[in-house]
Amino acid sequence: MPHVIIEHSRGIEDLPALCAAVFDALAVHPAIPKPETLKLRTFEAGAHLLGTQGQSFAHATLRLLPGRDADTKSDLAQVILGVMADLLPHVHSLSVDLADLDPAYAKRVLPD
């Protein structure tokens, strides 16, 4: 259910390690009762422009089913931002947004 989508500028290295670290940090958070439902992916921006001199960025969006309060959402955002700051110390702009999935969200998963 929870989806983490990380958009980033070109040149961000070791994205598998970033995904693993975000996964591990969220998997132990009490707001994520079923870590096996976490899904993480990254997308490189084909083109971008920041209004600052530094042009590197990574922006994570965490999409969740509705029902978590504002404090929980803020805590989850800070968890992700902390991991990104640790693993991407030279990236100029780091940000995190949270969005509720529509209650009509549907999925299909094959059994292991």
PDB file of N, CA and C in Angstrom:
ATOM      1  N   MET A   1       0.802  -1.188   0.000  1.00  0.00           N
ATOM      2  CA  MET A   1       0.000   0.000   0.000  1.00  0.00           C
ATOM      3  C   MET A   1       0.851   1.260   0.000  1.00  0.00           C
ATOM      4  N   PRO A   2       1.696   1.526   0.995  1.00  0.00           N
ATOM      5  CA  PRO A   2       2.455   2.771   0.904  1.00  0.00           C
ATOM      6  C   PRO A   2       3.411   2.749  -0.290  1.00  0.00           C
ATOM      7  N   HIS A   3       3.391   3.831  -1.034  1.00  0.00           N
ATOM      8  CA  HIS A   3       4.278   3.998  -2.180  1.00  0.00           C
ATOM      9  C   HIS A   3       5.211   5.164  -1.879  1.00  0.00           C
ATOM     10  N   VAL A   4       6.486   4.980  -2.123  1.00  0.00           N
ATOM     11  CA  VAL A   4       7.451   6.069  -2.037  1.00  0.00           C
ATOM     12  C   VAL A   4       8.028   6.242  -3.435  1.00  0.00           C
ATOM     13  N   ILE A   5       7.814   7.424  -3.992  1.00  0.00           N
ATOM     14  CA  ILE A   5       8.321   7.747  -5.319  1.00  0.00           C
ATOM     15  C   ILE A   5       9.362   8.848  -5.143  1.00  0.00           C
ATOM     16  N   ILE A   6      10.579   8.586  -5.553  1.00  0.00           N
ATOM     17  CA  ILE A   6      11.651   9.565  -5.407  1.00  0.00           C
ATOM     18  C   ILE A   6      12.038  10.077  -6.790  1.00  0.00           C
ATOM     19  N   GLU A   7      11.749  11.336  -7.039  1.00  0.00           N
ATOM     20  CA  GLU A   7      12.174  12.014  -8.261  1.00  0.00           C
ATOM     21  C   GLU A   7      13.513  12.661  -7.953  1.00  0.00           C
ATOM     22  N   HIS A   8      14.422  12.665  -8.917  1.00  0.00           N
ATOM     23  CA  HIS A   8      15.756  13.190  -8.622  1.00  0.00           C
ATOM     24  C   HIS A   8      16.426  13.712  -9.881  1.00  0.00           C
ATOM     25  N   SER A   9      17.408  14.557  -9.652  1.00  0.00           N
ATOM     26  CA  SER A   9      18.218  15.073 -10.743  1.00  0.00           C
ATOM     27  C   SER A   9      19.224  14.020 -11.184  1.00  0.00           C
ATOM     28  N   ARG A  10      19.780  14.224 -12.337  1.00  0.00           N
ATOM     29  CA  ARG A  10      20.791  13.320 -12.884  1.00  0.00           C
ATOM     30  C   ARG A  10      22.015  13.329 -11.965  1.00  0.00           C
ATOM     31  N   GLY A  11      22.659  12.193 -11.864  1.00  0.00           N
ATOM     32  CA  GLY A  11      23.907  12.123 -11.111  1.00  0.00           C
ATOM     33  C   GLY A  11      23.756  11.641  -9.677  1.00  0.00           C
ATOM     34  N   ILE A  12      22.534  11.372  -9.238  1.00  0.00           N
ATOM     35  CA  ILE A  12      22.350  10.826  -7.893  1.00  0.00           C
ATOM     36  C   ILE A  12      22.785   9.358  -7.946  1.00  0.00           C
ATOM     37  N   GLU A  13      23.711   8.991  -7.070  1.00  0.00           N
ATOM     38  CA  GLU A  13      24.273   7.648  -7.119  1.00  0.00           C
ATOM     39  C   GLU A  13      23.694   6.746  -6.045  1.00  0.00           C
ATOM     40  N   ASP A  14      23.830   5.469  -6.255  1.00  0.00           N
ATOM     41  CA  ASP A  14      23.441   4.399  -5.326  1.00  0.00           C
ATOM     42  C   ASP A  14      21.974   4.485  -4.919  1.00  0.00           C
ATOM     43  N   LEU A  15      21.135   4.577  -5.908  1.00  0.00           N
ATOM     44  CA  LEU A  15      19.697   4.629  -5.665  1.00  0.00           C
ATOM     45  C   LEU A  15      19.151   3.356  -5.020  1.00  0.00           C
ATOM     46  N   PRO A  16      19.679   2.171  -5.349  1.00  0.00           N
ATOM     47  CA  PRO A  16      19.204   0.981  -4.627  1.00  0.00           C
ATOM     48  C   PRO A  16      19.446   1.082  -3.114  1.00  0.00           C
ATOM     49  N   ALA A  17      20.591   1.639  -2.717  1.00  0.00           N
ATOM     50  CA  ALA A  17      20.867   1.804  -1.284  1.00  0.00           C
ATOM     51  C   ALA A  17      19.913   2.813  -0.660  1.00  0.00           C
ATOM     52  N   LEU A  18      19.583   3.878  -1.390  1.00  0.00           N
ATOM     53  CA  LEU A  18      18.621   4.861  -0.892  1.00  0.00           C
ATOM     54  C   LEU A  18      17.259   4.208  -0.696  1.00  0.00           C
ATOM     55  N   CYS A  19      16.815   3.442  -1.680  1.00  0.00           N
ATOM     56  CA  CYS A  19      15.528   2.747  -1.559  1.00  0.00           C
ATOM     57  C   CYS A  19      15.538   1.795  -0.359  1.00  0.00           C
ATOM     58  N   ALA A  20      16.614   1.051  -0.196  1.00  0.00           N
ATOM     59  CA  ALA A  20      16.707   0.104   0.915  1.00  0.00           C
ATOM     60  C   ALA A  20      16.685   0.822   2.264  1.00  0.00           C
ATOM     61  N   ALA A  21      17.377   1.944   2.357  1.00  0.00           N
ATOM     62  CA  ALA A  21      17.424   2.687   3.621  1.00  0.00           C
ATOM     63  C   ALA A  21      16.067   3.305   3.957  1.00  0.00           C
ATOM     64  N   VAL A  22      15.375   3.847   2.961  1.00  0.00           N
ATOM     65  CA  VAL A  22      14.037   4.397   3.204  1.00  0.00           C
ATOM     66  C   VAL A  22      13.094   3.264   3.605  1.00  0.00           C
ATOM     67  N   PHE A  23      13.185   2.142   2.895  1.00  0.00           N
ATOM     68  CA  PHE A  23      12.362   0.981   3.233  1.00  0.00           C
ATOM     69  C   PHE A  23      12.583   0.572   4.688  1.00  0.00           C
ATOM     70  N   ASP A  24      13.852   0.398   5.064  1.00  0.00           N
ATOM     71  CA  ASP A  24      14.177  -0.045   6.421  1.00  0.00           C
ATOM     72  C   ASP A  24      13.665   0.928   7.474  1.00  0.00           C
ATOM     73  N   ALA A  25      13.788   2.221   7.207  1.00  0.00           N
ATOM     74  CA  ALA A  25      13.340   3.235   8.173  1.00  0.00           C
ATOM     75  C   ALA A  25      11.821   3.220   8.322  1.00  0.00           C
ATOM     76  N   LEU A  26      11.109   3.052   7.215  1.00  0.00           N
ATOM     77  CA  LEU A  26       9.644   3.027   7.281  1.00  0.00           C
ATOM     78  C   LEU A  26       9.128   1.700   7.837  1.00  0.00           C
ATOM     79  N   ALA A  27       9.837   0.626   7.569  1.00  0.00           N
ATOM     80  CA  ALA A  27       9.384  -0.700   7.994  1.00  0.00           C
ATOM     81  C   ALA A  27       9.262  -0.823   9.505  1.00  0.00           C
ATOM     82  N   VAL A  28      10.023  -0.050  10.253  1.00  0.00           N
ATOM     83  CA  VAL A  28       9.964  -0.116  11.722  1.00  0.00           C
ATOM     84  C   VAL A  28       9.070   0.973  12.315  1.00  0.00           C
ATOM     85  N   HIS A  29       8.482   1.806  11.471  1.00  0.00           N
ATOM     86  CA  HIS A  29       7.615   2.886  11.970  1.00  0.00           C
ATOM     87  C   HIS A  29       6.248   2.303  12.331  1.00  0.00           C
ATOM     88  N   PRO A  30       5.705   2.678  13.491  1.00  0.00           N
ATOM     89  CA  PRO A  30       4.410   2.121  13.899  1.00  0.00           C
ATOM     90  C   PRO A  30       3.252   2.458  12.949  1.00  0.00           C
ATOM     91  N   ALA A  31       3.395   3.482  12.132  1.00  0.00           N
ATOM     92  CA  ALA A  31       2.331   3.846  11.190  1.00  0.00           C
ATOM     93  C   ALA A  31       2.326   2.948   9.956  1.00  0.00           C
ATOM     94  N   ILE A  32       3.335   2.081   9.836  1.00  0.00           N
ATOM     95  CA  ILE A  32       3.429   1.148   8.702  1.00  0.00           C
ATOM     96  C   ILE A  32       3.338  -0.262   9.284  1.00  0.00           C
ATOM     97  N   PRO A  33       2.111  -0.743   9.554  1.00  0.00           N
ATOM     98  CA  PRO A  33       1.969  -2.034  10.230  1.00  0.00           C
ATOM     99  C   PRO A  33       2.334  -3.242   9.365  1.00  0.00           C
ATOM    100  N   LYS A  34       2.315  -3.086   8.049  1.00  0.00           N
ATOM    101  CA  LYS A  34       2.648  -4.200   7.149  1.00  0.00           C
ATOM    102  C   LYS A  34       3.752  -3.761   6.189  1.00  0.00           C
ATOM    103  N   PRO A  35       5.008  -3.800   6.633  1.00  0.00           N
ATOM    104  CA  PRO A  35       6.099  -3.321   5.777  1.00  0.00           C
ATOM    105  C   PRO A  35       6.202  -4.073   4.449  1.00  0.00           C
ATOM    106  N   GLU A  36       5.679  -5.282   4.398  1.00  0.00           N
ATOM    107  CA  GLU A  36       5.735  -6.035   3.140  1.00  0.00           C
ATOM    108  C   GLU A  36       4.905  -5.375   2.038  1.00  0.00           C
ATOM    109  N   THR A  37       4.069  -4.405   2.410  1.00  0.00           N
ATOM    110  CA  THR A  37       3.266  -3.706   1.400  1.00  0.00           C
ATOM    111  C   THR A  37       3.952  -2.454   0.861  1.00  0.00           C
ATOM    112  N   LEU A  38       5.110  -2.098   1.407  1.00  0.00           N
ATOM    113  CA  LEU A  38       5.844  -0.926   0.932  1.00  0.00           C
ATOM    114  C   LEU A  38       6.338  -1.129  -0.498  1.00  0.00           C
ATOM    115  N   LYS A  39       6.262  -0.053  -1.270  1.00  0.00           N
ATOM    116  CA  LYS A  39       6.768  -0.065  -2.646  1.00  0.00           C
ATOM    117  C   LYS A  39       7.582   1.203  -2.858  1.00  0.00           C
ATOM    118  N   LEU A  40       8.810   1.069  -3.317  1.00  0.00           N
ATOM    119  CA  LEU A  40       9.680   2.217  -3.551  1.00  0.00           C
ATOM    120  C   LEU A  40      10.174   2.207  -4.978  1.00  0.00           C
ATOM    121  N   ARG A  41      10.269   3.400  -5.556  1.00  0.00           N
ATOM    122  CA  ARG A  41      10.809   3.522  -6.907  1.00  0.00           C
ATOM    123  C   ARG A  41      11.389   4.914  -7.093  1.00  0.00           C
ATOM    124  N   THR A  42      12.277   5.031  -8.065  1.00  0.00           N
ATOM    125  CA  THR A  42      12.909   6.310  -8.352  1.00  0.00           C
ATOM    126  C   THR A  42      12.712   6.662  -9.825  1.00  0.00           C
ATOM    127  N   PHE A  43      12.713   7.949 -10.081  1.00  0.00           N
ATOM    128  CA  PHE A  43      12.622   8.462 -11.445  1.00  0.00           C
ATOM    129  C   PHE A  43      13.586   9.622 -11.601  1.00  0.00           C
ATOM    130  N   GLU A  44      14.416   9.557 -12.619  1.00  0.00           N
ATOM    131  CA  GLU A  44      15.320  10.665 -12.915  1.00  0.00           C
ATOM    132  C   GLU A  44      14.582  11.694 -13.754  1.00  0.00           C
ATOM    133  N   ALA A  45      14.718  12.947 -13.369  1.00  0.00           N
ATOM    134  CA  ALA A  45      14.108  14.034 -14.141  1.00  0.00           C
ATOM    135  C   ALA A  45      14.872  14.211 -15.442  1.00  0.00           C
ATOM    136  N   GLY A  46      14.161  14.215 -16.537  1.00  0.00           N
ATOM    137  CA  GLY A  46      14.802  14.424 -17.833  1.00  0.00           C
ATOM    138  C   GLY A  46      15.328  15.835 -17.965  1.00  0.00           C
ATOM    139  N   ALA A  47      14.613  16.768 -17.414  1.00  0.00           N
ATOM    140  CA  ALA A  47      15.023  18.173 -17.396  1.00  0.00           C
ATOM    141  C   ALA A  47      14.419  18.805 -16.157  1.00  0.00           C
ATOM    142  N   HIS A  48      15.112  19.767 -15.590  1.00  0.00           N
ATOM    143  CA  HIS A  48      14.582  20.478 -14.429  1.00  0.00           C
ATOM    144  C   HIS A  48      15.304  21.812 -14.286  1.00  0.00           C
ATOM    145  N   LEU A  49      14.725  22.688 -13.508  1.00  0.00           N
ATOM    146  CA  LEU A  49      15.338  23.978 -13.205  1.00  0.00           C
ATOM    147  C   LEU A  49      14.901  24.388 -11.811  1.00  0.00           C
ATOM    148  N   LEU A  50      15.865  24.608 -10.935  1.00  0.00           N
ATOM    149  CA  LEU A  50      15.591  25.094  -9.592  1.00  0.00           C
ATOM    150  C   LEU A  50      15.871  26.588  -9.551  1.00  0.00           C
ATOM    151  N   GLY A  51      15.208  27.287  -8.680  1.00  0.00           N
ATOM    152  CA  GLY A  51      15.412  28.725  -8.561  1.00  0.00           C
ATOM    153  C   GLY A  51      16.617  29.097  -7.714  1.00  0.00           C
ATOM    154  N   THR A  52      17.491  28.140  -7.487  1.00  0.00           N
ATOM    155  CA  THR A  52      18.696  28.364  -6.690  1.00  0.00           C
ATOM    156  C   THR A  52      19.918  28.050  -7.538  1.00  0.00           C
ATOM    157  N   GLN A  53      21.082  28.447  -7.045  1.00  0.00           N
ATOM    158  CA  GLN A  53      22.310  28.169  -7.788  1.00  0.00           C
ATOM    159  C   GLN A  53      22.560  26.668  -7.869  1.00  0.00           C
ATOM    160  N   GLY A  54      22.407  25.967  -6.744  1.00  0.00           N
ATOM    161  CA  GLY A  54      22.569  24.513  -6.760  1.00  0.00           C
ATOM    162  C   GLY A  54      21.410  23.873  -7.500  1.00  0.00           C
ATOM    163  N   GLN A  55      21.706  22.946  -8.370  1.00  0.00           N
ATOM    164  CA  GLN A  55      20.656  22.352  -9.212  1.00  0.00           C
ATOM    165  C   GLN A  55      20.374  20.882  -8.923  1.00  0.00           C
ATOM    166  N   SER A  56      21.050  20.274  -7.973  1.00  0.00           N
ATOM    167  CA  SER A  56      20.750  18.879  -7.665  1.00  0.00           C
ATOM    168  C   SER A  56      19.567  18.815  -6.696  1.00  0.00           C
ATOM    169  N   PHE A  57      18.727  17.799  -6.883  1.00  0.00           N
ATOM    170  CA  PHE A  57      17.567  17.666  -6.009  1.00  0.00           C
ATOM    171  C   PHE A  57      17.136  16.209  -5.910  1.00  0.00           C
ATOM    172  N   ALA A  58      16.410  15.920  -4.847  1.00  0.00           N
ATOM    173  CA  ALA A  58      15.670  14.667  -4.696  1.00  0.00           C
ATOM    174  C   ALA A  58      14.395  15.025  -3.948  1.00  0.00           C
ATOM    175  N   HIS A  59      13.283  14.579  -4.493  1.00  0.00           N
ATOM    176  CA  HIS A  59      11.978  14.850  -3.888  1.00  0.00           C
ATOM    177  C   HIS A  59      11.232  13.539  -3.749  1.00  0.00           C
ATOM    178  N   ALA A  60      10.857  13.190  -2.517  1.00  0.00           N
ATOM    179  CA  ALA A  60      10.121  11.957  -2.254  1.00  0.00           C
ATOM    180  C   ALA A  60       8.655  12.274  -2.010  1.00  0.00           C
ATOM    181  N   THR A  61       7.801  11.457  -2.575  1.00  0.00           N
ATOM    182  CA  THR A  61       6.372  11.521  -2.291  1.00  0.00           C
ATOM    183  C   THR A  61       5.984  10.194  -1.662  1.00  0.00           C
ATOM    184  N   LEU A  62       5.360  10.257  -0.491  1.00  0.00           N
ATOM    185  CA  LEU A  62       4.850   9.071   0.182  1.00  0.00           C
ATOM    186  C   LEU A  62       3.336   9.075   0.013  1.00  0.00           C
ATOM    187  N   ARG A  63       2.826   8.056  -0.649  1.00  0.00           N
ATOM    188  CA  ARG A  63       1.377   7.922  -0.850  1.00  0.00           C
ATOM    189  C   ARG A  63       0.867   6.823   0.067  1.00  0.00           C
ATOM    190  N   LEU A  64      -0.144   7.189   0.866  1.00  0.00           N
ATOM    191  CA  LEU A  64      -0.694   6.293   1.883  1.00  0.00           C
ATOM    192  C   LEU A  64      -2.206   6.199   1.749  1.00  0.00           C
ATOM    193  N   LEU A  65      -2.765   5.084   2.230  1.00  0.00           N
ATOM    194  CA  LEU A  65      -4.214   5.038   2.366  1.00  0.00           C
ATOM    195  C   LEU A  65      -4.622   6.067   3.416  1.00  0.00           C
ATOM    196  N   PRO A  66      -5.801   6.666   3.285  1.00  0.00           N
ATOM    197  CA  PRO A  66      -6.236   7.693   4.234  1.00  0.00           C
ATOM    198  C   PRO A  66      -6.360   7.137   5.654  1.00  0.00           C
ATOM    199  N   GLY A  67      -6.262   8.029   6.628  1.00  0.00           N
ATOM    200  CA  GLY A  67      -6.520   7.651   8.006  1.00  0.00           C
ATOM    201  C   GLY A  67      -5.450   8.043   9.004  1.00  0.00           C
ATOM    202  N   ARG A  68      -4.302   8.502   8.536  1.00  0.00           N
ATOM    203  CA  ARG A  68      -3.261   8.897   9.481  1.00  0.00           C
ATOM    204  C   ARG A  68      -3.390  10.381   9.812  1.00  0.00           C
ATOM    205  N   ASP A  69      -3.157  10.724  11.068  1.00  0.00           N
ATOM    206  CA  ASP A  69      -3.289  12.126  11.479  1.00  0.00           C
ATOM    207  C   ASP A  69      -2.086  12.944  11.015  1.00  0.00           C
ATOM    208  N   ALA A  70      -2.203  14.257  11.155  1.00  0.00           N
ATOM    209  CA  ALA A  70      -1.175  15.175  10.665  1.00  0.00           C
ATOM    210  C   ALA A  70       0.172  14.944  11.349  1.00  0.00           C
ATOM    211  N   ASP A  71       0.163  14.658  12.652  1.00  0.00           N
ATOM    212  CA  ASP A  71       1.424  14.423  13.362  1.00  0.00           C
ATOM    213  C   ASP A  71       2.133  13.173  12.839  1.00  0.00           C
ATOM    214  N   THR A  72       1.377  12.128  12.562  1.00  0.00           N
ATOM    215  CA  THR A  72       1.960  10.900  12.025  1.00  0.00           C
ATOM    216  C   THR A  72       2.534  11.147  10.641  1.00  0.00           C
ATOM    217  N   LYS A  73       1.789  11.866   9.816  1.00  0.00           N
ATOM    218  CA  LYS A  73       2.274  12.176   8.470  1.00  0.00           C
ATOM    219  C   LYS A  73       3.551  13.006   8.532  1.00  0.00           C
ATOM    220  N   SER A  74       3.578  13.972   9.426  1.00  0.00           N
ATOM    221  CA  SER A  74       4.772  14.805   9.581  1.00  0.00           C
ATOM    222  C   SER A  74       5.959  13.967  10.033  1.00  0.00           C
ATOM    223  N   ASP A  75       5.718  13.052  10.952  1.00  0.00           N
ATOM    224  CA  ASP A  75       6.795  12.183  11.429  1.00  0.00           C
ATOM    225  C   ASP A  75       7.326  11.304  10.296  1.00  0.00           C
ATOM    226  N   LEU A  76       6.432  10.743   9.492  1.00  0.00           N
ATOM    227  CA  LEU A  76       6.855   9.922   8.362  1.00  0.00           C
ATOM    228  C   LEU A  76       7.688  10.748   7.370  1.00  0.00           C
ATOM    229  N   ALA A  77       7.265  11.980   7.117  1.00  0.00           N
ATOM    230  CA  ALA A  77       8.019  12.852   6.214  1.00  0.00           C
ATOM    231  C   ALA A  77       9.419  13.115   6.771  1.00  0.00           C
ATOM    232  N   GLN A  78       9.516  13.341   8.067  1.00  0.00           N
ATOM    233  CA  GLN A  78      10.813  13.599   8.684  1.00  0.00           C
ATOM    234  C   GLN A  78      11.708  12.367   8.648  1.00  0.00           C
ATOM    235  N   VAL A  79      11.118  11.185   8.796  1.00  0.00           N
ATOM    236  CA  VAL A  79      11.893   9.943   8.698  1.00  0.00           C
ATOM    237  C   VAL A  79      12.530   9.841   7.314  1.00  0.00           C
ATOM    238  N   ILE A  80      11.716  10.056   6.284  1.00  0.00           N
ATOM    239  CA  ILE A  80      12.228   9.959   4.915  1.00  0.00           C
ATOM    240  C   ILE A  80      13.268  11.041   4.659  1.00  0.00           C
ATOM    241  N   LEU A  81      12.988  12.271   5.083  1.00  0.00           N
ATOM    242  CA  LEU A  81      13.935  13.367   4.883  1.00  0.00           C
ATOM    243  C   LEU A  81      15.260  13.077   5.595  1.00  0.00           C
ATOM    244  N   GLY A  82      15.197  12.506   6.788  1.00  0.00           N
ATOM    245  CA  GLY A  82      16.415  12.169   7.521  1.00  0.00           C
ATOM    246  C   GLY A  82      17.274  11.153   6.781  1.00  0.00           C
ATOM    247  N   VAL A  83      16.626  10.130   6.221  1.00  0.00           N
ATOM    248  CA  VAL A  83      17.362   9.127   5.453  1.00  0.00           C
ATOM    249  C   VAL A  83      17.990   9.775   4.222  1.00  0.00           C
ATOM    250  N   MET A  84      17.217  10.586   3.525  1.00  0.00           N
ATOM    251  CA  MET A  84      17.741  11.248   2.327  1.00  0.00           C
ATOM    252  C   MET A  84      18.920  12.149   2.688  1.00  0.00           C
ATOM    253  N   ALA A  85      18.805  12.888   3.779  1.00  0.00           N
ATOM    254  CA  ALA A  85      19.898  13.782   4.191  1.00  0.00           C
ATOM    255  C   ALA A  85      21.163  12.981   4.522  1.00  0.00           C
ATOM    256  N   ASP A  86      20.995  11.824   5.158  1.00  0.00           N
ATOM    257  CA  ASP A  86      22.145  10.989   5.496  1.00  0.00           C
ATOM    258  C   ASP A  86      22.819  10.404   4.256  1.00  0.00           C
ATOM    259  N   LEU A  87      22.015   9.945   3.303  1.00  0.00           N
ATOM    260  CA  LEU A  87      22.573   9.260   2.137  1.00  0.00           C
ATOM    261  C   LEU A  87      22.886  10.179   0.967  1.00  0.00           C
ATOM    262  N   LEU A  88      22.314  11.374   0.979  1.00  0.00           N
ATOM    263  CA  LEU A  88      22.529  12.320  -0.123  1.00  0.00           C
ATOM    264  C   LEU A  88      23.048  13.652   0.424  1.00  0.00           C
ATOM    265  N   PRO A  89      24.179  13.637   1.140  1.00  0.00           N
ATOM    266  CA  PRO A  89      24.640  14.854   1.819  1.00  0.00           C
ATOM    267  C   PRO A  89      25.021  15.998   0.886  1.00  0.00           C
ATOM    268  N   HIS A  90      25.323  15.701  -0.367  1.00  0.00           N
ATOM    269  CA  HIS A  90      25.753  16.753  -1.282  1.00  0.00           C
ATOM    270  C   HIS A  90      24.652  17.209  -2.235  1.00  0.00           C
ATOM    271  N   VAL A  91      23.461  16.648  -2.087  1.00  0.00           N
ATOM    272  CA  VAL A  91      22.341  17.055  -2.937  1.00  0.00           C
ATOM    273  C   VAL A  91      21.794  18.361  -2.387  1.00  0.00           C
ATOM    274  N   HIS A  92      21.657  19.340  -3.260  1.00  0.00           N
ATOM    275  CA  HIS A  92      21.318  20.705  -2.854  1.00  0.00           C
ATOM    276  C   HIS A  92      19.931  20.834  -2.228  1.00  0.00           C
ATOM    277  N   SER A  93      18.937  20.226  -2.831  1.00  0.00           N
ATOM    278  CA  SER A  93      17.558  20.389  -2.360  1.00  0.00           C
ATOM    279  C   SER A  93      16.928  19.023  -2.121  1.00  0.00           C
ATOM    280  N   LEU A  94      16.493  18.796  -0.886  1.00  0.00           N
ATOM    281  CA  LEU A  94      15.790  17.574  -0.525  1.00  0.00           C
ATOM    282  C   LEU A  94      14.408  17.953  -0.010  1.00  0.00           C
ATOM    283  N   SER A  95      13.385  17.233  -0.435  1.00  0.00           N
ATOM    284  CA  SER A  95      12.032  17.527   0.034  1.00  0.00           C
ATOM    285  C   SER A  95      11.200  16.250   0.056  1.00  0.00           C
ATOM    286  N   VAL A  96      10.137  16.302   0.866  1.00  0.00           N
ATOM    287  CA  VAL A  96       9.230  15.164   1.018  1.00  0.00           C
ATOM    288  C   VAL A  96       7.806  15.700   1.074  1.00  0.00           C
ATOM    289  N   ASP A  97       6.916  15.028   0.370  1.00  0.00           N
ATOM    290  CA  ASP A  97       5.489  15.353   0.394  1.00  0.00           C
ATOM    291  C   ASP A  97       4.725  14.076   0.693  1.00  0.00           C
ATOM    292  N   LEU A  98       3.579  14.215   1.323  1.00  0.00           N
ATOM    293  CA  LEU A  98       2.703  13.077   1.572  1.00  0.00           C
ATOM    294  C   LEU A  98       1.376  13.311   0.887  1.00  0.00           C
ATOM    295  N   ALA A  99       0.812  12.234   0.390  1.00  0.00           N
ATOM    296  CA  ALA A  99      -0.487  12.322  -0.269  1.00  0.00           C
ATOM    297  C   ALA A  99      -1.303  11.090   0.094  1.00  0.00           C
ATOM    298  N   ASP A 100      -2.582  11.292   0.310  1.00  0.00           N
ATOM    299  CA  ASP A 100      -3.474  10.168   0.564  1.00  0.00           C
ATOM    300  C   ASP A 100      -3.890   9.543  -0.761  1.00  0.00           C
ATOM    301  N   LEU A 101      -3.829   8.228  -0.819  1.00  0.00           N
ATOM    302  CA  LEU A 101      -4.365   7.506  -1.965  1.00  0.00           C
ATOM    303  C   LEU A 101      -5.888   7.612  -1.927  1.00  0.00           C
ATOM    304  N   ASP A 102      -6.498   7.545  -3.067  1.00  0.00           N
ATOM    305  CA  ASP A 102      -7.952   7.545  -3.130  1.00  0.00           C
ATOM    306  C   ASP A 102      -8.470   6.270  -2.464  1.00  0.00           C
ATOM    307  N   PRO A 103      -9.567   6.355  -1.720  1.00  0.00           N
ATOM    308  CA  PRO A 103     -10.105   5.140  -1.091  1.00  0.00           C
ATOM    309  C   PRO A 103     -10.434   4.032  -2.102  1.00  0.00           C
ATOM    310  N   ALA A 104     -10.587   4.388  -3.369  1.00  0.00           N
ATOM    311  CA  ALA A 104     -10.871   3.393  -4.406  1.00  0.00           C
ATOM    312  C   ALA A 104      -9.596   2.727  -4.920  1.00  0.00           C
ATOM    313  N   TYR A 105      -8.450   3.036  -4.352  1.00  0.00           N
ATOM    314  CA  TYR A 105      -7.190   2.427  -4.756  1.00  0.00           C
ATOM    315  C   TYR A 105      -7.348   0.908  -4.824  1.00  0.00           C
ATOM    316  N   ALA A 106      -6.841   0.328  -5.884  1.00  0.00           N
ATOM    317  CA  ALA A 106      -6.921  -1.126  -6.063  1.00  0.00           C
ATOM    318  C   ALA A 106      -5.550  -1.667  -6.431  1.00  0.00           C
ATOM    319  N   LYS A 107      -5.299  -2.919  -6.089  1.00  0.00           N
ATOM    320  CA  LYS A 107      -4.029  -3.540  -6.449  1.00  0.00           C
ATOM    321  C   LYS A 107      -4.222  -5.043  -6.601  1.00  0.00           C
ATOM    322  N   ARG A 108      -3.242  -5.657  -7.242  1.00  0.00           N
ATOM    323  CA  ARG A 108      -3.195  -7.102  -7.373  1.00  0.00           C
ATOM    324  C   ARG A 108      -1.759  -7.522  -7.158  1.00  0.00           C
ATOM    325  N   VAL A 109      -1.539  -8.498  -6.320  1.00  0.00           N
ATOM    326  CA  VAL A 109      -0.202  -8.998  -6.053  1.00  0.00           C
ATOM    327  C   VAL A 109      -0.226 -10.517  -6.199  1.00  0.00           C
ATOM    328  N   LEU A 110       0.716 -11.039  -6.966  1.00  0.00           N
ATOM    329  CA  LEU A 110       0.822 -12.484  -7.103  1.00  0.00           C
ATOM    330  C   LEU A 110       1.390 -13.080  -5.816  1.00  0.00           C
ATOM    331  N   PRO A 111       0.977 -14.259  -5.459  1.00  0.00           N
ATOM    332  CA  PRO A 111       1.552 -14.891  -4.249  1.00  0.00           C
ATOM    333  C   PRO A 111       3.014 -15.216  -4.469  1.00  0.00           C
ATOM    334  N   ASP A 112       3.778 -15.204  -3.389  1.00  0.00           N
ATOM    335  CA  ASP A 112       5.210 -15.533  -3.453  1.00  0.00           C
ATOM    336  C   ASP A 112       5.421 -16.990  -3.785  1.00  0.00           C
TER     337      ASP A 112
END
